[in-house]
Amino acid sequence: MQRPRPFDGAQGRPEALPKERRLAKRREFVRVYETGQKLFSRYSVLFFAINDLPHSRIGITATKKLGKANVRNRLKRWTRETYRRQREPLGLDAKTLDIVVNVKPNAASASFDEYSRDLARVLERVARS
């Protein structure tokens, strides 16, 4: 049985990031680390590199240094949500980038608003470069 996906109430379309918009394989992450650029922010380190696809993709790493699984999962959800909200206004879908967000341990104590603002600022820097 397939789980229901989150829907945008007004439009009736799924809001979740499609699988083709996510980095999943280790070699994809490693390629971004090795060939891409790095940006630092208060709660994360962002790596980005050009890809050969017509759209951008995102990958998220949350290590055990962050805390237990529920903390890591919460921070990954926050990252996906912030990216999902920012990708259209910043034009990230039009760019051909692979983005990897490494969440820092101090993010575990941040509120969603603090974390989201910080990540939005660094995503804006990626969009400009």
N, C-alpha and C. Protein backbone atom coordinates (compact mmCIF):
# COMPACT_ATOMS: atom_id res chain seq x y z
N MET A 1 0.84 -1.19 0.00
CA MET A 1 0.00 0.00 0.00
C MET A 1 0.88 1.25 0.00
N GLN A 2 0.54 2.20 -0.81
CA GLN A 2 1.32 3.42 -0.93
C GLN A 2 0.86 4.44 0.09
N ARG A 3 1.85 5.10 0.74
CA ARG A 3 1.52 6.13 1.71
C ARG A 3 1.05 7.39 1.01
N PRO A 4 0.08 8.09 1.59
CA PRO A 4 -0.36 9.34 0.98
C PRO A 4 0.74 10.39 1.06
N ARG A 5 0.83 11.24 0.04
CA ARG A 5 1.83 12.30 0.01
C ARG A 5 1.18 13.60 0.46
N PRO A 6 1.96 14.49 1.06
CA PRO A 6 1.39 15.78 1.48
C PRO A 6 0.87 16.56 0.27
N PHE A 7 -0.28 17.20 0.44
CA PHE A 7 -0.87 17.94 -0.66
C PHE A 7 -0.95 19.41 -0.34
N ASP A 8 -0.82 20.22 -1.36
CA ASP A 8 -1.04 21.64 -1.29
C ASP A 8 -2.56 21.83 -1.33
N GLY A 9 -3.13 22.32 -0.25
CA GLY A 9 -4.57 22.40 -0.14
C GLY A 9 -5.24 23.18 -1.26
N ALA A 10 -4.66 24.30 -1.67
CA ALA A 10 -5.30 25.15 -2.68
C ALA A 10 -5.22 24.52 -4.08
N GLN A 11 -4.07 23.96 -4.42
CA GLN A 11 -3.87 23.46 -5.77
C GLN A 11 -4.20 21.98 -5.92
N GLY A 12 -4.16 21.24 -4.82
CA GLY A 12 -4.45 19.82 -4.88
C GLY A 12 -3.32 18.99 -5.48
N ARG A 13 -2.11 19.55 -5.53
CA ARG A 13 -0.98 18.80 -6.09
C ARG A 13 -0.01 18.43 -4.98
N PRO A 14 0.75 17.36 -5.15
CA PRO A 14 1.69 16.96 -4.11
C PRO A 14 2.77 18.01 -3.89
N GLU A 15 3.11 18.25 -2.61
CA GLU A 15 4.14 19.22 -2.27
C GLU A 15 5.49 18.55 -2.03
N ALA A 16 5.49 17.26 -1.81
CA ALA A 16 6.73 16.57 -1.47
C ALA A 16 7.72 16.66 -2.62
N LEU A 17 9.01 16.60 -2.28
CA LEU A 17 10.05 16.62 -3.31
C LEU A 17 10.03 15.29 -4.05
N PRO A 18 9.91 15.32 -5.37
CA PRO A 18 9.93 14.06 -6.13
C PRO A 18 11.29 13.37 -6.01
N LYS A 19 11.32 12.08 -6.15
CA LYS A 19 12.56 11.31 -6.01
C LYS A 19 13.65 11.79 -6.96
N GLU A 20 13.27 12.19 -8.18
CA GLU A 20 14.30 12.61 -9.13
C GLU A 20 14.94 13.94 -8.73
N ARG A 21 14.39 14.62 -7.74
CA ARG A 21 14.95 15.89 -7.26
C ARG A 21 15.82 15.69 -6.01
N ARG A 22 16.12 14.43 -5.68
CA ARG A 22 16.93 14.13 -4.50
C ARG A 22 18.19 13.37 -4.87
N LEU A 23 19.26 13.63 -4.14
CA LEU A 23 20.47 12.82 -4.26
C LEU A 23 20.30 11.63 -3.34
N ALA A 24 20.62 10.44 -3.82
CA ALA A 24 20.41 9.26 -3.00
C ALA A 24 21.67 8.40 -2.86
N LYS A 25 22.46 8.34 -3.90
CA LYS A 25 23.59 7.42 -3.92
C LYS A 25 24.86 8.08 -3.39
N ARG A 26 25.68 7.30 -2.74
CA ARG A 26 26.92 7.80 -2.16
C ARG A 26 27.80 8.46 -3.21
N ARG A 27 27.89 7.85 -4.38
CA ARG A 27 28.76 8.41 -5.42
C ARG A 27 28.30 9.80 -5.86
N GLU A 28 27.00 10.07 -5.80
CA GLU A 28 26.49 11.40 -6.14
C GLU A 28 26.95 12.43 -5.10
N PHE A 29 26.88 12.05 -3.82
CA PHE A 29 27.35 12.93 -2.75
C PHE A 29 28.84 13.19 -2.89
N VAL A 30 29.61 12.13 -3.13
CA VAL A 30 31.07 12.24 -3.24
C VAL A 30 31.45 13.14 -4.40
N ARG A 31 30.74 13.03 -5.53
CA ARG A 31 31.02 13.88 -6.68
C ARG A 31 30.84 15.36 -6.32
N VAL A 32 29.78 15.67 -5.59
CA VAL A 32 29.53 17.05 -5.19
C VAL A 32 30.62 17.53 -4.23
N TYR A 33 31.02 16.68 -3.27
CA TYR A 33 32.08 17.05 -2.34
C TYR A 33 33.40 17.33 -3.07
N GLU A 34 33.72 16.49 -4.04
CA GLU A 34 35.01 16.59 -4.71
C GLU A 34 35.07 17.69 -5.78
N THR A 35 33.98 17.91 -6.49
CA THR A 35 34.03 18.87 -7.61
C THR A 35 33.35 20.19 -7.30
N GLY A 36 32.60 20.25 -6.24
CA GLY A 36 31.78 21.43 -5.98
C GLY A 36 32.44 22.48 -5.12
N GLN A 37 31.67 23.53 -4.87
CA GLN A 37 32.09 24.61 -3.99
C GLN A 37 31.43 24.42 -2.63
N LYS A 38 32.00 25.10 -1.63
CA LYS A 38 31.53 24.92 -0.25
C LYS A 38 31.16 26.28 0.33
N LEU A 39 30.01 26.34 1.00
CA LEU A 39 29.57 27.55 1.70
C LEU A 39 29.24 27.18 3.15
N PHE A 40 29.67 28.04 4.07
CA PHE A 40 29.41 27.79 5.48
C PHE A 40 28.30 28.71 5.98
N SER A 41 27.49 28.19 6.88
CA SER A 41 26.50 29.02 7.56
C SER A 41 26.50 28.59 9.03
N ARG A 42 25.67 29.23 9.80
CA ARG A 42 25.66 28.96 11.24
C ARG A 42 25.29 27.52 11.57
N TYR A 43 24.29 26.98 10.87
CA TYR A 43 23.78 25.65 11.20
C TYR A 43 24.08 24.57 10.16
N SER A 44 24.76 24.92 9.08
CA SER A 44 25.02 23.91 8.06
C SER A 44 26.23 24.28 7.20
N VAL A 45 26.71 23.29 6.48
CA VAL A 45 27.72 23.49 5.45
C VAL A 45 27.08 23.01 4.16
N LEU A 46 27.13 23.86 3.15
CA LEU A 46 26.47 23.56 1.88
C LEU A 46 27.52 23.34 0.80
N PHE A 47 27.40 22.24 0.08
CA PHE A 47 28.24 21.96 -1.07
C PHE A 47 27.34 22.00 -2.30
N PHE A 48 27.86 22.56 -3.39
CA PHE A 48 27.05 22.55 -4.61
C PHE A 48 27.95 22.41 -5.83
N ALA A 49 27.44 21.68 -6.82
CA ALA A 49 28.17 21.44 -8.06
C ALA A 49 27.17 21.36 -9.20
N ILE A 50 27.62 21.68 -10.40
CA ILE A 50 26.77 21.61 -11.58
C ILE A 50 26.51 20.14 -11.93
N ASN A 51 25.29 19.84 -12.35
CA ASN A 51 24.96 18.49 -12.81
C ASN A 51 24.55 18.54 -14.29
N ASP A 52 24.32 17.37 -14.86
CA ASP A 52 23.96 17.29 -16.29
C ASP A 52 22.45 17.16 -16.51
N LEU A 53 21.67 17.45 -15.49
CA LEU A 53 20.22 17.30 -15.57
C LEU A 53 19.57 18.66 -15.82
N PRO A 54 18.31 18.67 -16.24
CA PRO A 54 17.63 19.95 -16.48
C PRO A 54 17.07 20.59 -15.21
N HIS A 55 17.37 20.03 -14.04
CA HIS A 55 16.84 20.57 -12.78
C HIS A 55 17.86 20.36 -11.67
N SER A 56 17.61 20.99 -10.53
CA SER A 56 18.50 20.84 -9.39
C SER A 56 18.03 19.67 -8.51
N ARG A 57 18.98 19.16 -7.71
CA ARG A 57 18.67 18.09 -6.76
C ARG A 57 19.29 18.45 -5.42
N ILE A 58 18.76 17.86 -4.35
CA ILE A 58 19.29 18.12 -3.02
C ILE A 58 19.57 16.80 -2.30
N GLY A 59 20.61 16.81 -1.51
CA GLY A 59 20.95 15.69 -0.64
C GLY A 59 21.21 16.25 0.75
N ILE A 60 20.87 15.50 1.77
CA ILE A 60 21.02 15.98 3.15
C ILE A 60 21.77 14.94 3.96
N THR A 61 22.76 15.39 4.74
CA THR A 61 23.44 14.49 5.66
C THR A 61 23.23 15.00 7.08
N ALA A 62 22.88 14.10 7.96
CA ALA A 62 22.69 14.41 9.37
C ALA A 62 23.34 13.28 10.17
N THR A 63 24.53 13.54 10.72
CA THR A 63 25.29 12.49 11.40
C THR A 63 24.80 12.27 12.83
N LYS A 64 25.29 11.21 13.44
CA LYS A 64 24.89 10.88 14.80
C LYS A 64 25.38 11.90 15.83
N LYS A 65 26.28 12.77 15.43
CA LYS A 65 26.73 13.84 16.32
C LYS A 65 25.58 14.79 16.66
N LEU A 66 24.56 14.81 15.81
CA LEU A 66 23.40 15.68 16.02
C LEU A 66 22.53 15.22 17.18
N GLY A 67 22.47 13.92 17.39
CA GLY A 67 21.61 13.38 18.43
C GLY A 67 20.95 12.10 17.98
N LYS A 68 19.89 11.77 18.65
CA LYS A 68 19.18 10.53 18.33
C LYS A 68 18.43 10.67 17.01
N ALA A 69 17.87 9.56 16.55
CA ALA A 69 17.23 9.51 15.24
C ALA A 69 16.13 10.54 15.08
N ASN A 70 15.35 10.77 16.13
CA ASN A 70 14.25 11.73 16.00
C ASN A 70 14.77 13.15 15.76
N VAL A 71 15.91 13.49 16.35
CA VAL A 71 16.51 14.82 16.13
C VAL A 71 17.04 14.91 14.71
N ARG A 72 17.75 13.88 14.26
CA ARG A 72 18.29 13.87 12.90
C ARG A 72 17.16 13.95 11.87
N ASN A 73 16.12 13.18 12.07
CA ASN A 73 14.99 13.19 11.13
C ASN A 73 14.28 14.53 11.11
N ARG A 74 14.13 15.16 12.27
CA ARG A 74 13.49 16.48 12.34
C ARG A 74 14.30 17.50 11.54
N LEU A 75 15.62 17.48 11.70
CA LEU A 75 16.47 18.43 10.98
C LEU A 75 16.46 18.17 9.47
N LYS A 76 16.38 16.92 9.08
CA LYS A 76 16.28 16.61 7.65
C LYS A 76 14.93 17.09 7.09
N ARG A 77 13.86 16.91 7.85
CA ARG A 77 12.54 17.42 7.42
C ARG A 77 12.58 18.94 7.29
N TRP A 78 13.17 19.62 8.27
CA TRP A 78 13.28 21.08 8.23
C TRP A 78 14.06 21.52 7.00
N THR A 79 15.14 20.80 6.69
CA THR A 79 15.97 21.15 5.53
C THR A 79 15.17 20.99 4.24
N ARG A 80 14.47 19.86 4.10
CA ARG A 80 13.66 19.64 2.90
C ARG A 80 12.57 20.70 2.75
N GLU A 81 11.93 21.03 3.86
CA GLU A 81 10.85 22.01 3.83
C GLU A 81 11.36 23.39 3.44
N THR A 82 12.48 23.80 4.01
CA THR A 82 13.06 25.10 3.68
C THR A 82 13.47 25.14 2.21
N TYR A 83 14.11 24.07 1.74
CA TYR A 83 14.51 24.00 0.33
C TYR A 83 13.28 24.05 -0.57
N ARG A 84 12.24 23.29 -0.21
CA ARG A 84 11.03 23.25 -1.02
C ARG A 84 10.39 24.64 -1.12
N ARG A 85 10.39 25.38 -0.02
CA ARG A 85 9.81 26.72 -0.02
C ARG A 85 10.67 27.73 -0.79
N GLN A 86 11.98 27.53 -0.79
CA GLN A 86 12.89 28.51 -1.40
C GLN A 86 13.22 28.23 -2.86
N ARG A 87 13.01 27.00 -3.32
CA ARG A 87 13.50 26.66 -4.65
C ARG A 87 12.82 27.46 -5.76
N GLU A 88 11.55 27.76 -5.65
CA GLU A 88 10.87 28.55 -6.69
C GLU A 88 11.24 30.03 -6.62
N PRO A 89 11.14 30.69 -5.44
CA PRO A 89 11.50 32.11 -5.39
C PRO A 89 12.95 32.39 -5.80
N LEU A 90 13.86 31.47 -5.48
CA LEU A 90 15.27 31.68 -5.81
C LEU A 90 15.63 31.15 -7.20
N GLY A 91 14.70 30.47 -7.85
CA GLY A 91 14.96 29.93 -9.18
C GLY A 91 15.90 28.74 -9.17
N LEU A 92 15.93 27.98 -8.08
CA LEU A 92 16.84 26.84 -7.99
C LEU A 92 16.46 25.71 -8.94
N ASP A 93 15.18 25.59 -9.28
CA ASP A 93 14.75 24.54 -10.21
C ASP A 93 15.30 24.78 -11.61
N ALA A 94 15.44 26.04 -11.98
CA ALA A 94 15.94 26.37 -13.32
C ALA A 94 17.44 26.11 -13.44
N LYS A 95 18.14 26.13 -12.33
CA LYS A 95 19.58 25.90 -12.35
C LYS A 95 19.85 24.40 -12.40
N THR A 96 21.00 24.03 -12.87
CA THR A 96 21.35 22.60 -12.96
C THR A 96 22.40 22.31 -11.89
N LEU A 97 21.96 22.27 -10.64
CA LEU A 97 22.86 22.10 -9.51
C LEU A 97 22.51 20.87 -8.69
N ASP A 98 23.54 20.25 -8.15
CA ASP A 98 23.37 19.27 -7.08
C ASP A 98 23.81 19.97 -5.80
N ILE A 99 22.96 19.95 -4.80
CA ILE A 99 23.25 20.63 -3.54
C ILE A 99 23.26 19.59 -2.43
N VAL A 100 24.30 19.62 -1.60
CA VAL A 100 24.36 18.74 -0.43
C VAL A 100 24.40 19.63 0.80
N VAL A 101 23.50 19.39 1.75
CA VAL A 101 23.46 20.14 3.00
C VAL A 101 23.95 19.22 4.11
N ASN A 102 25.06 19.59 4.73
CA ASN A 102 25.56 18.88 5.91
C ASN A 102 25.11 19.68 7.13
N VAL A 103 24.26 19.10 7.94
CA VAL A 103 23.72 19.78 9.11
C VAL A 103 24.75 19.72 10.24
N LYS A 104 25.03 20.88 10.85
CA LYS A 104 25.99 20.96 11.95
C LYS A 104 25.31 20.56 13.27
N PRO A 105 26.10 20.06 14.24
CA PRO A 105 25.53 19.65 15.53
C PRO A 105 24.80 20.76 16.29
N ASN A 106 25.22 22.02 16.14
CA ASN A 106 24.55 23.09 16.88
C ASN A 106 23.13 23.35 16.37
N ALA A 107 22.77 22.78 15.23
CA ALA A 107 21.42 22.96 14.69
C ALA A 107 20.37 22.26 15.55
N ALA A 108 20.79 21.26 16.32
CA ALA A 108 19.85 20.50 17.16
C ALA A 108 19.16 21.39 18.18
N SER A 109 19.82 22.47 18.59
CA SER A 109 19.22 23.35 19.61
C SER A 109 18.51 24.55 18.99
N ALA A 110 18.49 24.65 17.68
CA ALA A 110 17.86 25.80 17.01
C ALA A 110 16.36 25.59 16.86
N SER A 111 15.65 26.70 16.74
CA SER A 111 14.22 26.61 16.43
C SER A 111 14.08 26.51 14.91
N PHE A 112 12.90 26.13 14.46
CA PHE A 112 12.67 26.02 13.02
C PHE A 112 12.90 27.36 12.32
N ASP A 113 12.42 28.45 12.93
CA ASP A 113 12.57 29.77 12.30
C ASP A 113 14.04 30.15 12.15
N GLU A 114 14.83 29.94 13.19
CA GLU A 114 16.27 30.26 13.12
C GLU A 114 16.94 29.42 12.04
N TYR A 115 16.68 28.12 12.08
CA TYR A 115 17.30 27.20 11.13
C TYR A 115 16.88 27.53 9.70
N SER A 116 15.61 27.79 9.51
CA SER A 116 15.07 28.06 8.19
C SER A 116 15.66 29.36 7.61
N ARG A 117 15.72 30.41 8.43
CA ARG A 117 16.29 31.68 7.96
C ARG A 117 17.75 31.51 7.57
N ASP A 118 18.50 30.77 8.39
CA ASP A 118 19.92 30.55 8.12
C ASP A 118 20.11 29.78 6.82
N LEU A 119 19.35 28.72 6.62
CA LEU A 119 19.47 27.92 5.41
C LEU A 119 19.00 28.70 4.18
N ALA A 120 17.96 29.51 4.34
CA ALA A 120 17.47 30.33 3.22
C ALA A 120 18.54 31.32 2.77
N ARG A 121 19.27 31.92 3.73
CA ARG A 121 20.34 32.85 3.38
C ARG A 121 21.44 32.18 2.57
N VAL A 122 21.84 30.99 2.98
CA VAL A 122 22.91 30.30 2.26
C VAL A 122 22.42 29.79 0.91
N LEU A 123 21.15 29.38 0.80
CA LEU A 123 20.60 28.98 -0.50
C LEU A 123 20.54 30.17 -1.45
N GLU A 124 20.29 31.35 -0.90
CA GLU A 124 20.29 32.56 -1.72
C GLU A 124 21.70 32.82 -2.29
N ARG A 125 22.72 32.58 -1.48
CA ARG A 125 24.10 32.73 -1.96
C ARG A 125 24.41 31.73 -3.06
N VAL A 126 23.87 30.52 -2.95
CA VAL A 126 24.07 29.51 -3.99
C VAL A 126 23.39 29.96 -5.28
N ALA A 127 22.19 30.50 -5.17
CA ALA A 127 21.43 30.92 -6.35
C ALA A 127 22.13 32.05 -7.09
N ARG A 128 22.80 32.93 -6.34
CA ARG A 128 23.50 34.05 -6.97
C ARG A 128 24.78 33.64 -7.67
N SER A 129 25.43 32.57 -7.18
CA SER A 129 26.72 32.19 -7.75
C SER A 129 26.58 31.30 -8.97
